[in-house]
Amino acid sequence: MALQLTTFKTADDAAQALALQVSKDLHQVLAQEQERALLLVSGGRSPLPFFAALAQQPLAWENIDISLVDERSVRPDHPDANAALVREHLLCGPAAAARFLPLMSHVAAATDPWLWARRSVQVANANPALVKPAVIVLGLGTDGHTASLFADAPQWHEATTTERRYVALQPGQAPHARVSLSLHALAAQHACYVWSGGAAKLEVLRRASTLAAAVADGSLDAATLDGAGAIARLVADPGVILKVYHSQF
């Protein structure tokens, strides 16, 4: 179990620091004579300062692929599409030279969001370009979810036990069917960055750490972690390091 928490006063400070670290990681992968490096990012509006900072980093962007940790089952121009935010706020400036790999496939099932999500999972799991990320940057919900691993989804058990990389979920309290990295895929990365901000999310991290420690010393049953969300499951995994960049404001 390892949760490395670095706290910053503002979101801009956190964004600049995380962008610099991610840039170093991507540069190192490319320097190891790998032809391409894959970066997976989370959507939503909270990471936009990080996107803006990362887009200006001096990298060989033409050799970098960018895709998503999770996506909503909506068309790419929909206001809730994570892809739309990435295209607008990350694929700009120097980073415009990167190649974007969307998670939602181009299939006729787009009129049925759940069918489209399940088909897109099949396509993503068969795509060799999405197999080996160099860097994963996760978000964090106040309910403890990360990626789109919502504990209230009927597919929660499958999403947290399957060895497939991508899964389809239907969150109970969040809109839209989703495509998401599975818990196994996140744990297999071994080290992930987490973008976080505000007192409520800091409390989520503290609770996850407390529960994980209790599970580790045997004073708490591991099943309790499900109620604290996917982030608690990752914190409790001895093979995972979460490097959290947290802004106070």
Protein backbone atom coordinates (compact mmCIF):
# COMPACT_ATOMS: atom_id res chain seq x y z
CA MET A 1 0.00 0.00 0.00
CA ALA A 2 1.42 3.35 -1.01
CA LEU A 3 -0.30 6.68 -1.41
CA GLN A 4 2.13 9.51 -2.06
CA LEU A 5 0.33 12.79 -1.39
CA THR A 6 1.80 16.09 -2.57
CA THR A 7 -0.27 19.14 -1.67
CA PHE A 8 -0.30 22.48 -3.49
CA LYS A 9 -2.05 25.70 -2.60
CA THR A 10 -3.75 26.23 -5.98
CA ALA A 11 -4.89 24.11 -8.90
CA ASP A 12 -2.52 26.00 -11.18
CA ASP A 13 0.44 25.10 -8.96
CA ALA A 14 -0.60 21.44 -8.95
CA ALA A 15 -1.18 21.51 -12.71
CA GLN A 16 2.25 22.88 -13.49
CA ALA A 17 3.97 20.34 -11.24
CA LEU A 18 2.04 17.37 -12.61
CA ALA A 19 2.50 18.50 -16.21
CA LEU A 20 6.25 18.72 -15.68
CA GLN A 21 6.40 15.23 -14.13
CA VAL A 22 4.23 13.62 -16.81
CA SER A 23 6.34 15.31 -19.47
CA LYS A 24 9.50 13.85 -17.92
CA ASP A 25 7.95 10.38 -17.83
CA LEU A 26 6.88 10.53 -21.48
CA HIS A 27 10.28 11.84 -22.55
CA GLN A 28 12.01 9.01 -20.68
CA VAL A 29 9.87 6.37 -22.39
CA LEU A 30 10.65 7.80 -25.82
CA ALA A 31 14.34 8.05 -24.93
CA GLN A 32 14.36 4.31 -24.32
CA GLU A 33 14.06 3.83 -28.08
CA GLN A 34 10.34 3.14 -27.96
CA GLU A 35 8.64 4.41 -31.09
CA ARG A 36 5.55 5.72 -29.33
CA ALA A 37 4.37 6.54 -25.80
CA LEU A 38 0.74 6.22 -24.67
CA LEU A 39 -0.79 8.70 -22.22
CA LEU A 40 -4.20 7.99 -20.70
CA VAL A 41 -6.03 10.89 -19.04
CA SER A 42 -9.32 11.34 -17.20
CA GLY A 43 -12.07 13.64 -18.37
CA GLY A 44 -14.35 16.05 -16.60
CA ARG A 45 -13.63 19.72 -16.11
CA SER A 46 -11.40 19.51 -13.03
CA PRO A 47 -8.21 18.49 -14.92
CA LEU A 48 -8.45 21.33 -17.45
CA PRO A 49 -5.63 23.34 -15.78
CA PHE A 50 -3.44 20.24 -16.04
CA PHE A 51 -4.36 19.79 -19.72
CA ALA A 52 -3.46 23.42 -20.45
CA ALA A 53 -0.10 23.10 -18.71
CA LEU A 54 0.77 19.76 -20.30
CA ALA A 55 -0.12 20.94 -23.81
CA GLN A 56 2.70 23.49 -23.65
CA GLN A 57 5.42 21.03 -22.63
CA PRO A 58 8.27 20.62 -25.16
CA LEU A 59 7.89 16.98 -26.17
CA ALA A 60 8.09 14.90 -29.33
CA TRP A 61 4.31 15.03 -29.45
CA GLU A 62 4.21 13.47 -32.91
CA ASN A 63 5.36 10.24 -31.20
CA ILE A 64 2.78 10.36 -28.40
CA ASP A 65 -0.66 8.77 -28.38
CA ILE A 66 -3.34 10.18 -26.08
CA SER A 67 -6.45 8.31 -25.02
CA LEU A 68 -8.84 8.19 -22.11
CA VAL A 69 -9.12 6.35 -18.82
CA ASP A 70 -12.88 6.39 -19.33
CA GLU A 71 -15.51 7.80 -21.61
CA ARG A 72 -19.27 8.42 -21.63
CA SER A 73 -21.38 6.69 -24.27
CA VAL A 74 -22.15 9.91 -26.14
CA ARG A 75 -21.16 11.29 -29.50
CA PRO A 76 -17.74 13.01 -29.67
CA ASP A 77 -19.29 16.46 -30.01
CA HIS A 78 -21.61 16.00 -27.00
CA PRO A 79 -20.93 18.45 -24.11
CA ASP A 80 -20.40 15.49 -21.74
CA ALA A 81 -17.86 13.73 -23.97
CA ASN A 82 -14.42 13.48 -22.39
CA ALA A 83 -13.00 13.34 -25.91
CA ALA A 84 -14.36 16.82 -26.61
CA LEU A 85 -12.55 18.25 -23.59
CA VAL A 86 -9.29 16.56 -24.57
CA ARG A 87 -9.50 17.84 -28.13
CA GLU A 88 -10.26 21.39 -26.99
CA HIS A 89 -7.91 21.72 -24.01
CA LEU A 90 -5.07 19.21 -24.48
CA LEU A 91 -4.68 18.68 -28.23
CA CYS A 92 -3.62 22.27 -28.79
CA GLY A 93 -0.37 24.21 -29.02
CA PRO A 94 2.62 21.85 -29.22
CA ALA A 95 0.43 18.89 -28.16
CA ALA A 96 -1.71 19.27 -31.30
CA ALA A 97 0.83 16.99 -33.00
CA ALA A 98 -0.14 14.05 -30.77
CA ARG A 99 -2.37 11.24 -32.06
CA PHE A 100 -5.71 10.91 -30.27
CA LEU A 101 -7.25 7.45 -29.85
CA PRO A 102 -10.95 7.75 -28.91
CA LEU A 103 -12.57 5.05 -26.79
CA MET A 104 -16.00 5.15 -28.40
CA SER A 105 -15.91 3.16 -31.63
CA HIS A 106 -17.49 4.32 -34.89
CA VAL A 107 -20.38 1.89 -35.11
CA ALA A 108 -24.04 2.12 -36.01
CA ALA A 109 -25.01 1.16 -32.45
CA ALA A 110 -24.47 4.79 -31.42
CA THR A 111 -28.26 5.14 -31.18
CA ASP A 112 -28.28 2.63 -28.28
CA PRO A 113 -25.83 3.98 -25.66
CA TRP A 114 -25.49 0.72 -23.71
CA LEU A 115 -24.97 -1.40 -26.82
CA TRP A 116 -22.52 1.19 -28.11
CA ALA A 117 -20.55 1.09 -24.84
CA ARG A 118 -20.31 -2.70 -24.91
CA ARG A 119 -19.24 -2.73 -28.55
CA SER A 120 -16.66 -0.02 -27.87
CA VAL A 121 -15.22 -2.12 -25.05
CA GLN A 122 -14.71 -4.99 -27.47
CA VAL A 123 -12.94 -2.70 -29.93
CA ALA A 124 -10.75 -1.11 -27.23
CA ASN A 125 -9.72 -4.46 -25.78
CA ALA A 126 -8.68 -5.62 -29.26
CA ASN A 127 -6.65 -2.46 -30.00
CA PRO A 128 -2.90 -3.13 -29.48
CA ALA A 129 -2.21 0.61 -29.30
CA LEU A 130 -4.10 0.78 -25.98
CA VAL A 131 -2.37 -2.15 -24.28
CA LYS A 132 0.68 -0.56 -22.66
CA PRO A 133 0.26 2.98 -21.27
CA ALA A 134 3.38 4.89 -20.37
CA VAL A 135 1.45 7.19 -18.03
CA ILE A 136 -2.05 7.10 -16.51
CA VAL A 137 -3.56 10.18 -14.87
CA LEU A 138 -6.68 9.42 -12.84
CA GLY A 139 -9.35 11.66 -11.43
CA LEU A 140 -11.19 11.19 -8.14
CA GLY A 141 -14.85 11.46 -7.20
CA THR A 142 -16.16 12.41 -3.78
CA ASP A 143 -17.89 9.00 -3.68
CA GLY A 144 -14.50 7.29 -4.05
CA HIS A 145 -14.80 6.37 -7.72
CA THR A 146 -11.92 6.73 -10.12
CA ALA A 147 -12.10 6.25 -13.88
CA SER A 148 -15.77 5.25 -14.27
CA LEU A 149 -15.57 2.49 -11.67
CA PHE A 150 -18.76 3.38 -9.80
CA ALA A 151 -19.64 1.04 -6.94
CA ASP A 152 -23.37 1.51 -7.59
CA ALA A 153 -23.13 0.13 -11.14
CA PRO A 154 -24.61 -3.36 -11.66
CA GLN A 155 -21.32 -4.24 -13.37
CA TRP A 156 -19.19 -3.34 -10.31
CA HIS A 157 -18.24 -6.95 -9.52
CA GLU A 158 -17.20 -7.64 -13.08
CA ALA A 159 -15.30 -4.35 -13.33
CA THR A 160 -13.30 -5.13 -10.18
CA THR A 161 -12.60 -8.81 -10.89
CA THR A 162 -12.15 -9.19 -14.65
CA GLU A 163 -8.68 -9.25 -16.20
CA ARG A 164 -9.93 -7.46 -19.30
CA ARG A 165 -8.52 -3.97 -19.71
CA TYR A 166 -11.76 -2.15 -20.52
CA VAL A 167 -15.27 -2.73 -19.21
CA ALA A 168 -18.72 -1.22 -19.78
CA LEU A 169 -20.68 0.16 -16.83
CA GLN A 170 -24.05 1.78 -16.11
CA PRO A 171 -23.60 4.02 -13.04
CA GLY A 172 -26.65 4.33 -10.82
CA GLN A 173 -26.27 7.99 -9.83
CA ALA A 174 -24.15 9.33 -12.71
CA PRO A 175 -25.45 9.97 -16.23
CA HIS A 176 -24.61 7.93 -19.32
CA ALA A 177 -23.32 4.43 -19.87
CA ARG A 178 -19.54 4.31 -19.65
CA VAL A 179 -16.41 2.66 -21.01
CA SER A 180 -13.71 2.44 -18.36
CA LEU A 181 -10.40 0.85 -17.53
CA SER A 182 -10.98 -2.07 -15.17
CA LEU A 183 -9.56 -2.25 -11.67
CA HIS A 184 -7.15 -4.93 -12.89
CA ALA A 185 -5.84 -2.65 -15.64
CA LEU A 186 -5.22 0.16 -13.16
CA ALA A 187 -3.48 -2.14 -10.68
CA ALA A 188 -1.35 -3.60 -13.49
CA GLN A 189 0.02 -0.12 -14.17
CA HIS A 190 1.61 -0.27 -10.67
CA ALA A 191 2.07 3.52 -10.52
CA CYS A 192 -0.66 6.02 -11.44
CA TYR A 193 -0.98 9.74 -10.96
CA VAL A 194 -4.14 11.12 -9.36
CA TRP A 195 -5.41 14.66 -9.91
CA SER A 196 -7.34 15.88 -6.87
CA GLY A 197 -8.52 19.09 -5.26
CA GLY A 198 -10.49 20.44 -2.32
CA ALA A 199 -11.28 19.30 1.21
CA ALA A 200 -13.91 16.72 0.23
CA LYS A 201 -11.55 14.77 -2.01
CA LEU A 202 -8.77 14.97 0.55
CA GLU A 203 -11.15 13.34 3.03
CA VAL A 204 -11.84 10.57 0.49
CA LEU A 205 -8.12 9.88 0.26
CA ARG A 206 -7.71 9.87 4.03
CA ARG A 207 -10.63 7.49 4.50
CA ALA A 208 -9.27 5.17 1.81
CA SER A 209 -5.89 5.11 3.53
CA THR A 210 -7.45 4.39 6.93
CA LEU A 211 -9.57 1.54 5.57
CA ALA A 212 -6.67 0.08 3.59
CA ALA A 213 -4.47 0.08 6.69
CA ALA A 214 -7.20 -1.66 8.69
CA VAL A 215 -7.55 -4.33 6.01
CA ALA A 216 -3.78 -4.79 5.93
CA ASP A 217 -3.54 -5.40 9.69
CA GLY A 218 -6.54 -7.74 9.65
CA SER A 219 -8.85 -5.59 11.76
CA LEU A 220 -11.28 -5.02 8.87
CA ASP A 221 -12.73 -7.28 6.21
CA ALA A 222 -11.65 -6.46 2.65
CA ALA A 223 -15.30 -6.35 1.52
CA THR A 224 -15.64 -3.06 3.42
CA LEU A 225 -13.49 -1.41 0.78
CA ASP A 226 -16.27 -1.67 -1.79
CA GLY A 227 -18.26 0.91 0.12
CA ALA A 228 -15.36 3.36 -0.15
CA GLY A 229 -15.05 2.97 -3.91
CA ALA A 230 -12.37 1.94 -6.37
CA ILE A 231 -9.80 4.37 -5.00
CA ALA A 232 -9.80 2.48 -1.69
CA ARG A 233 -9.27 -0.80 -3.52
CA LEU A 234 -6.23 0.66 -5.27
CA VAL A 235 -4.81 2.15 -2.07
CA ALA A 236 -5.14 -1.25 -0.39
CA ASP A 237 -3.30 -3.05 -3.22
CA PRO A 238 0.31 -3.65 -2.09
CA GLY A 239 1.54 -3.55 -5.68
CA VAL A 240 0.11 -0.11 -6.49
CA ILE A 241 1.52 3.37 -5.92
CA LEU A 242 -0.84 6.32 -6.28
CA LYS A 243 1.00 9.61 -6.73
CA VAL A 244 -1.57 12.22 -5.76
CA TYR A 245 -1.26 15.87 -6.80
CA HIS A 246 -3.76 17.65 -4.59
CA SER A 247 -4.63 21.34 -4.61
CA GLN A 248 -6.17 23.00 -1.56
CA PHE A 249 -8.17 25.41 -3.73
